[in-house]
N, C-alpha and C. Protein backbone atom coordinates (compact mmCIF):
# COMPACT_ATOMS: atom_id res chain seq x y z
N MET A 1 88.20 85.88 87.46
CA MET A 1 88.31 85.37 86.11
C MET A 1 88.55 86.53 85.16
N LEU A 2 89.46 86.38 84.26
CA LEU A 2 89.77 87.41 83.29
C LEU A 2 89.03 87.12 81.99
N ALA A 3 88.55 88.16 81.36
CA ALA A 3 87.88 88.00 80.07
C ALA A 3 88.36 89.08 79.13
N HIS A 4 88.51 88.76 77.88
CA HIS A 4 89.00 89.72 76.89
C HIS A 4 87.88 90.02 75.92
N GLU A 5 87.59 91.31 75.71
CA GLU A 5 86.53 91.71 74.80
C GLU A 5 87.10 92.66 73.76
N ASP A 6 86.71 92.46 72.50
CA ASP A 6 87.16 93.32 71.41
C ASP A 6 85.96 93.94 70.72
N GLU A 7 86.17 95.15 70.24
CA GLU A 7 85.18 95.80 69.39
C GLU A 7 85.90 96.17 68.11
N ASP A 8 85.65 95.44 67.04
CA ASP A 8 86.32 95.69 65.76
C ASP A 8 85.51 96.69 64.95
N GLU A 9 86.23 97.60 64.31
CA GLU A 9 85.61 98.56 63.41
C GLU A 9 86.46 98.66 62.16
N ASP A 10 85.83 98.68 61.01
CA ASP A 10 86.57 98.86 59.77
C ASP A 10 86.98 100.31 59.63
N GLU A 11 88.19 100.52 59.11
CA GLU A 11 88.70 101.88 58.92
C GLU A 11 89.22 102.01 57.51
N ASP A 12 89.29 103.25 57.05
CA ASP A 12 89.94 103.52 55.77
C ASP A 12 91.44 103.45 55.98
N GLU A 13 92.15 102.95 54.98
CA GLU A 13 93.60 102.85 55.09
C GLU A 13 94.23 104.23 55.22
N ASP A 14 93.60 105.25 54.61
CA ASP A 14 94.13 106.61 54.70
C ASP A 14 94.16 107.08 56.14
N GLU A 15 93.13 106.78 56.91
CA GLU A 15 93.09 107.18 58.31
C GLU A 15 94.23 106.53 59.08
N ASP A 16 94.49 105.25 58.81
CA ASP A 16 95.58 104.54 59.47
C ASP A 16 96.92 105.20 59.16
N GLU A 17 97.13 105.58 57.90
CA GLU A 17 98.39 106.20 57.51
C GLU A 17 98.56 107.54 58.20
N ASP A 18 97.48 108.35 58.28
CA ASP A 18 97.55 109.64 58.95
C ASP A 18 97.88 109.45 60.42
N GLU A 19 97.25 108.48 61.07
CA GLU A 19 97.51 108.22 62.48
C GLU A 19 98.95 107.78 62.69
N ASP A 20 99.46 106.91 61.80
CA ASP A 20 100.83 106.44 61.92
C ASP A 20 101.82 107.59 61.82
N GLU A 21 101.56 108.54 60.90
CA GLU A 21 102.45 109.69 60.75
C GLU A 21 102.44 110.53 62.01
N ASP A 22 101.25 110.79 62.59
CA ASP A 22 101.16 111.56 63.83
C ASP A 22 101.88 110.85 64.96
N GLU A 23 101.72 109.53 65.04
CA GLU A 23 102.34 108.76 66.10
C GLU A 23 103.86 108.76 65.97
N ASP A 24 104.38 108.70 64.74
CA ASP A 24 105.83 108.72 64.52
C ASP A 24 106.44 110.02 65.02
N GLU A 25 105.73 111.15 64.84
CA GLU A 25 106.24 112.43 65.30
C GLU A 25 106.35 112.47 66.82
N ASP A 26 105.41 111.83 67.51
CA ASP A 26 105.41 111.84 68.96
C ASP A 26 106.27 110.73 69.56
N GLU A 27 106.79 109.84 68.74
CA GLU A 27 107.51 108.65 69.23
C GLU A 27 108.72 109.03 70.08
N ASP A 28 109.51 110.02 69.62
CA ASP A 28 110.70 110.42 70.37
C ASP A 28 110.32 110.95 71.74
N GLU A 29 109.24 111.75 71.82
CA GLU A 29 108.78 112.28 73.10
C GLU A 29 108.34 111.14 74.01
N ASP A 30 107.62 110.16 73.48
CA ASP A 30 107.15 109.03 74.27
C ASP A 30 108.30 108.23 74.83
N GLU A 31 109.37 108.04 74.04
CA GLU A 31 110.52 107.27 74.51
C GLU A 31 111.16 107.94 75.71
N ASP A 32 111.28 109.29 75.67
CA ASP A 32 111.85 110.02 76.81
C ASP A 32 110.98 109.84 78.04
N GLU A 33 109.65 109.92 77.88
CA GLU A 33 108.74 109.74 79.00
C GLU A 33 108.83 108.33 79.55
N ASP A 34 108.94 107.32 78.68
CA ASP A 34 109.03 105.93 79.12
C ASP A 34 110.27 105.71 79.96
N GLU A 35 111.40 106.35 79.58
CA GLU A 35 112.62 106.20 80.36
C GLU A 35 112.41 106.74 81.77
N ASP A 36 111.74 107.90 81.90
CA ASP A 36 111.47 108.47 83.21
C ASP A 36 110.57 107.56 84.03
N GLU A 37 109.55 106.97 83.39
CA GLU A 37 108.64 106.08 84.09
C GLU A 37 109.36 104.84 84.60
N ASP A 38 110.28 104.30 83.80
CA ASP A 38 111.02 103.11 84.22
C ASP A 38 111.82 103.37 85.48
N GLU A 39 112.37 104.57 85.61
CA GLU A 39 113.16 104.90 86.79
C GLU A 39 112.30 104.91 88.04
N ASP A 40 111.04 105.35 87.93
CA ASP A 40 110.14 105.45 89.08
C ASP A 40 109.38 104.16 89.33
N GLU A 41 109.49 103.20 88.44
CA GLU A 41 108.66 102.00 88.48
C GLU A 41 108.79 101.24 89.80
N GLU A 42 109.99 101.05 90.31
CA GLU A 42 110.16 100.28 91.54
C GLU A 42 109.42 100.92 92.70
N GLY A 43 109.40 102.25 92.77
CA GLY A 43 108.71 102.93 93.85
C GLY A 43 107.22 102.65 93.84
N GLU A 44 106.63 102.48 92.67
CA GLU A 44 105.20 102.21 92.57
C GLU A 44 104.86 100.82 93.06
N TYR A 45 105.84 99.93 93.07
CA TYR A 45 105.59 98.54 93.39
C TYR A 45 106.07 98.14 94.79
N GLU A 46 106.26 99.08 95.68
CA GLU A 46 106.85 98.76 96.97
C GLU A 46 106.12 97.63 97.69
N ASN A 47 104.79 97.60 97.59
CA ASN A 47 104.02 96.57 98.29
C ASN A 47 103.73 95.35 97.43
N ASP A 48 104.29 95.31 96.25
CA ASP A 48 104.03 94.21 95.32
C ASP A 48 105.37 93.60 94.91
N PRO A 49 105.77 92.50 95.56
CA PRO A 49 107.08 91.90 95.27
C PRO A 49 107.25 91.56 93.79
N LYS A 50 108.50 91.59 93.34
CA LYS A 50 108.82 91.38 91.94
C LYS A 50 108.28 90.05 91.42
N GLU A 51 108.40 88.98 92.20
CA GLU A 51 107.91 87.67 91.76
C GLU A 51 106.40 87.69 91.55
N LYS A 52 105.68 88.39 92.44
CA LYS A 52 104.23 88.46 92.32
C LYS A 52 103.84 89.24 91.05
N ARG A 53 104.59 90.30 90.75
CA ARG A 53 104.33 91.08 89.53
C ARG A 53 104.51 90.21 88.31
N LYS A 54 105.59 89.43 88.29
CA LYS A 54 105.85 88.55 87.15
C LYS A 54 104.73 87.54 86.98
N GLU A 55 104.25 87.00 88.10
CA GLU A 55 103.17 86.00 88.05
C GLU A 55 101.91 86.61 87.46
N LYS A 56 101.52 87.80 87.93
CA LYS A 56 100.33 88.46 87.40
C LYS A 56 100.49 88.79 85.92
N CYS A 57 101.64 89.31 85.58
CA CYS A 57 101.91 89.68 84.18
C CYS A 57 101.84 88.45 83.29
N ALA A 58 102.44 87.37 83.72
CA ALA A 58 102.44 86.14 82.93
C ALA A 58 101.03 85.61 82.77
N ARG A 59 100.23 85.69 83.82
CA ARG A 59 98.86 85.19 83.77
C ARG A 59 98.04 85.97 82.75
N VAL A 60 98.15 87.27 82.77
CA VAL A 60 97.39 88.09 81.82
C VAL A 60 97.96 87.91 80.42
N ARG A 61 99.28 87.95 80.28
CA ARG A 61 99.91 87.84 78.97
C ARG A 61 99.58 86.49 78.34
N GLN A 62 99.66 85.44 79.13
CA GLN A 62 99.42 84.10 78.60
C GLN A 62 97.99 83.98 78.08
N ALA A 63 97.05 84.56 78.79
CA ALA A 63 95.65 84.42 78.41
C ALA A 63 95.22 85.39 77.31
N TYR A 64 95.86 86.55 77.21
CA TYR A 64 95.30 87.58 76.36
C TYR A 64 96.23 88.20 75.34
N GLU A 65 97.44 87.71 75.18
CA GLU A 65 98.28 88.25 74.11
C GLU A 65 97.66 87.79 72.80
N THR A 66 97.28 88.73 71.99
CA THR A 66 96.53 88.38 70.80
C THR A 66 96.82 89.36 69.67
N SER A 67 96.46 88.99 68.49
CA SER A 67 96.61 89.85 67.33
C SER A 67 95.23 90.36 66.94
N LEU A 68 95.08 91.67 66.88
CA LEU A 68 93.80 92.26 66.54
C LEU A 68 93.93 92.99 65.21
N ARG A 69 92.99 92.79 64.34
CA ARG A 69 93.02 93.44 63.03
C ARG A 69 91.92 94.49 62.99
N ASN A 70 92.28 95.72 62.70
CA ASN A 70 91.34 96.84 62.61
C ASN A 70 90.56 97.08 63.89
N ALA A 71 91.12 96.72 65.03
CA ALA A 71 90.43 96.96 66.30
C ALA A 71 90.69 98.39 66.76
N ARG A 72 89.65 99.07 67.15
CA ARG A 72 89.78 100.43 67.66
C ARG A 72 89.70 100.44 69.18
N ARG A 73 88.94 99.52 69.74
CA ARG A 73 88.78 99.45 71.19
C ARG A 73 88.85 98.01 71.64
N SER A 74 89.50 97.79 72.74
CA SER A 74 89.60 96.46 73.31
C SER A 74 89.73 96.61 74.81
N LYS A 75 89.24 95.67 75.58
CA LYS A 75 89.36 95.77 77.03
C LYS A 75 89.50 94.40 77.65
N ILE A 76 90.11 94.38 78.81
CA ILE A 76 90.20 93.16 79.61
C ILE A 76 89.31 93.36 80.82
N VAL A 77 88.44 92.42 81.07
CA VAL A 77 87.52 92.50 82.20
C VAL A 77 87.95 91.46 83.23
N ILE A 78 88.14 91.89 84.46
CA ILE A 78 88.48 90.96 85.53
C ILE A 78 87.24 90.81 86.39
N SER A 79 86.54 89.70 86.22
CA SER A 79 85.37 89.45 87.05
C SER A 79 85.80 88.57 88.20
N SER A 80 85.09 88.64 89.29
CA SER A 80 85.45 87.89 90.51
C SER A 80 86.88 88.22 90.93
N ALA A 81 87.22 89.50 90.88
CA ALA A 81 88.57 89.92 91.26
C ALA A 81 88.80 89.68 92.75
N LYS A 82 90.01 89.31 93.08
CA LYS A 82 90.40 89.03 94.46
C LYS A 82 91.47 90.04 94.86
N PRO A 83 91.67 90.25 96.17
CA PRO A 83 92.71 91.19 96.60
C PRO A 83 94.08 90.89 95.99
N GLU A 84 94.39 89.62 95.77
CA GLU A 84 95.70 89.29 95.18
C GLU A 84 95.80 89.71 93.72
N ASP A 85 94.68 90.10 93.09
CA ASP A 85 94.71 90.62 91.72
C ASP A 85 95.09 92.10 91.70
N SER A 86 95.16 92.73 92.87
CA SER A 86 95.53 94.14 92.96
C SER A 86 96.93 94.34 92.40
N GLY A 87 97.15 95.49 91.79
CA GLY A 87 98.47 95.81 91.28
C GLY A 87 98.39 96.69 90.06
N ARG A 88 99.53 96.91 89.46
CA ARG A 88 99.63 97.76 88.28
C ARG A 88 99.51 96.88 87.04
N TYR A 89 98.59 97.23 86.18
CA TYR A 89 98.40 96.52 84.92
C TYR A 89 98.75 97.47 83.79
N GLU A 90 99.46 96.98 82.80
CA GLU A 90 99.86 97.80 81.68
C GLU A 90 99.47 97.11 80.38
N CYS A 91 98.82 97.87 79.52
CA CYS A 91 98.45 97.37 78.21
C CYS A 91 99.46 97.94 77.21
N ILE A 92 100.09 97.06 76.47
CA ILE A 92 101.07 97.48 75.46
C ILE A 92 100.56 97.04 74.10
N ALA A 93 100.39 98.01 73.21
CA ALA A 93 99.94 97.71 71.85
C ALA A 93 101.10 97.97 70.90
N GLU A 94 101.29 97.06 69.97
CA GLU A 94 102.36 97.22 68.98
C GLU A 94 101.79 96.97 67.60
N SER A 95 102.05 97.91 66.70
CA SER A 95 101.56 97.76 65.33
C SER A 95 102.50 96.87 64.54
N THR A 96 102.05 96.44 63.39
CA THR A 96 102.89 95.59 62.54
C THR A 96 104.12 96.35 62.05
N SER A 97 104.05 97.68 62.07
CA SER A 97 105.21 98.49 61.66
C SER A 97 106.18 98.70 62.82
N GLY A 98 105.83 98.18 64.00
CA GLY A 98 106.75 98.25 65.13
C GLY A 98 106.48 99.39 66.10
N HIS A 99 105.49 100.23 65.84
CA HIS A 99 105.17 101.32 66.76
C HIS A 99 104.50 100.77 68.01
N ARG A 100 104.98 101.22 69.17
CA ARG A 100 104.42 100.75 70.44
C ARG A 100 103.76 101.89 71.19
N ALA A 101 102.66 101.58 71.85
CA ALA A 101 101.99 102.53 72.73
C ALA A 101 101.56 101.75 73.96
N SER A 102 101.56 102.41 75.10
CA SER A 102 101.16 101.70 76.31
C SER A 102 100.38 102.62 77.24
N LEU A 103 99.60 102.00 78.11
CA LEU A 103 98.84 102.71 79.11
C LEU A 103 98.75 101.82 80.33
N ALA A 104 98.99 102.39 81.50
CA ALA A 104 98.97 101.60 82.73
C ALA A 104 97.81 102.04 83.61
N ALA A 105 97.34 101.12 84.43
CA ALA A 105 96.27 101.40 85.39
C ALA A 105 96.58 100.67 86.68
N GLN A 106 96.26 101.29 87.79
CA GLN A 106 96.45 100.68 89.11
C GLN A 106 95.11 100.10 89.54
N LEU A 107 95.09 98.84 89.90
CA LEU A 107 93.87 98.17 90.35
C LEU A 107 94.01 97.85 91.83
N LEU A 108 93.03 98.26 92.63
CA LEU A 108 93.00 97.94 94.05
C LEU A 108 91.71 97.18 94.32
N VAL A 109 91.85 95.94 94.73
CA VAL A 109 90.68 95.11 95.05
C VAL A 109 90.63 95.01 96.57
N ALA A 110 89.60 95.58 97.17
CA ALA A 110 89.46 95.56 98.62
C ALA A 110 88.92 94.22 99.09
N HIS A 111 89.21 93.89 100.33
CA HIS A 111 88.66 92.67 100.92
C HIS A 111 87.15 92.79 101.02
N ASP A 112 86.47 91.67 101.02
CA ASP A 112 85.02 91.65 101.18
C ASP A 112 84.68 92.25 102.55
N THR A 113 83.84 93.28 102.55
CA THR A 113 83.53 93.96 103.80
C THR A 113 82.10 93.72 104.27
N ARG A 114 81.49 92.69 103.79
CA ARG A 114 80.11 92.41 104.20
C ARG A 114 80.06 91.96 105.66
N ILE A 115 79.02 92.39 106.32
CA ILE A 115 78.81 91.97 107.71
C ILE A 115 78.12 90.62 107.67
N PRO A 116 78.66 89.63 108.38
CA PRO A 116 78.02 88.31 108.35
C PRO A 116 76.63 88.36 108.99
N GLU A 117 75.75 87.56 108.44
CA GLU A 117 74.38 87.49 108.96
C GLU A 117 74.40 86.84 110.34
N THR A 118 73.66 87.45 111.29
CA THR A 118 73.62 86.94 112.66
C THR A 118 72.18 86.91 113.14
N ASN A 119 71.78 85.82 113.75
CA ASN A 119 70.45 85.71 114.34
C ASN A 119 70.54 86.02 115.83
N ILE A 120 69.62 86.89 116.30
CA ILE A 120 69.59 87.25 117.71
C ILE A 120 68.16 87.05 118.21
N SER A 121 68.02 86.37 119.32
CA SER A 121 66.70 86.19 119.94
C SER A 121 66.55 87.25 121.03
N VAL A 122 65.43 87.96 120.99
CA VAL A 122 65.22 89.05 121.95
C VAL A 122 63.83 88.92 122.54
N ARG A 123 63.73 89.16 123.85
CA ARG A 123 62.42 89.25 124.51
C ARG A 123 62.21 90.70 124.90
N GLY A 124 61.10 91.23 124.54
CA GLY A 124 60.83 92.63 124.83
C GLY A 124 61.23 93.51 123.65
N LYS A 125 61.46 94.80 123.96
CA LYS A 125 61.81 95.76 122.92
C LYS A 125 63.33 95.86 122.77
N MET A 126 63.74 96.19 121.51
CA MET A 126 65.17 96.32 121.24
C MET A 126 65.37 97.37 120.16
N ASN A 127 66.32 98.28 120.36
CA ASN A 127 66.71 99.26 119.34
C ASN A 127 67.98 98.76 118.68
N ILE A 128 68.02 98.85 117.36
CA ILE A 128 69.19 98.39 116.61
C ILE A 128 69.71 99.54 115.75
N THR A 129 71.02 99.73 115.77
CA THR A 129 71.67 100.72 114.92
C THR A 129 72.67 100.01 114.02
N LEU A 130 72.54 100.21 112.73
CA LEU A 130 73.49 99.65 111.77
C LEU A 130 74.36 100.77 111.23
N VAL A 131 75.65 100.53 111.18
CA VAL A 131 76.58 101.53 110.66
C VAL A 131 77.30 100.94 109.46
N THR A 132 77.32 101.68 108.36
CA THR A 132 78.03 101.24 107.17
C THR A 132 78.71 102.43 106.51
N THR A 133 79.79 102.17 105.81
CA THR A 133 80.48 103.25 105.10
C THR A 133 80.12 103.25 103.62
N ASN A 134 79.38 102.24 103.21
CA ASN A 134 79.04 102.13 101.79
C ASN A 134 77.56 101.78 101.69
N ARG A 135 76.82 102.60 101.00
CA ARG A 135 75.39 102.40 100.89
C ARG A 135 75.02 101.04 100.31
N SER A 136 75.82 100.52 99.41
CA SER A 136 75.51 99.24 98.78
C SER A 136 75.68 98.06 99.74
N ASP A 137 76.28 98.30 100.93
CA ASP A 137 76.44 97.23 101.91
C ASP A 137 75.11 96.83 102.54
N VAL A 138 74.15 97.75 102.54
CA VAL A 138 72.88 97.49 103.22
C VAL A 138 71.90 96.86 102.25
N THR A 139 71.41 95.67 102.61
CA THR A 139 70.40 95.02 101.77
C THR A 139 69.20 94.63 102.60
């Protein structure tokens, strides 16, 4: 299940203007970097077919495309993530003046690795050895 959380903070308009000016100066550099990233994009998705990427993107976009006013921090939480939720997620923010910024993250959701509970009847003595690769697996 996906959940969207926002933390709104009031800011002075002067701070916004200063940030916009700094961002405008870096805009040309960002555009060059974005072009390079687009060229490498297919290589990052070798195990994630194009249709599956579109489906994931549409699911997140449909649920969480929103307008935030004076938000400084925002996050999307994926609870009960499944292996099929694995993939590259990109957050794209666009200001009302048209400035865009983005950040991508790769999410890998591993299969459930819990050992199923088993009942064993034993007569006499028995030594048991449990092996795990993750401390949190042992309860």
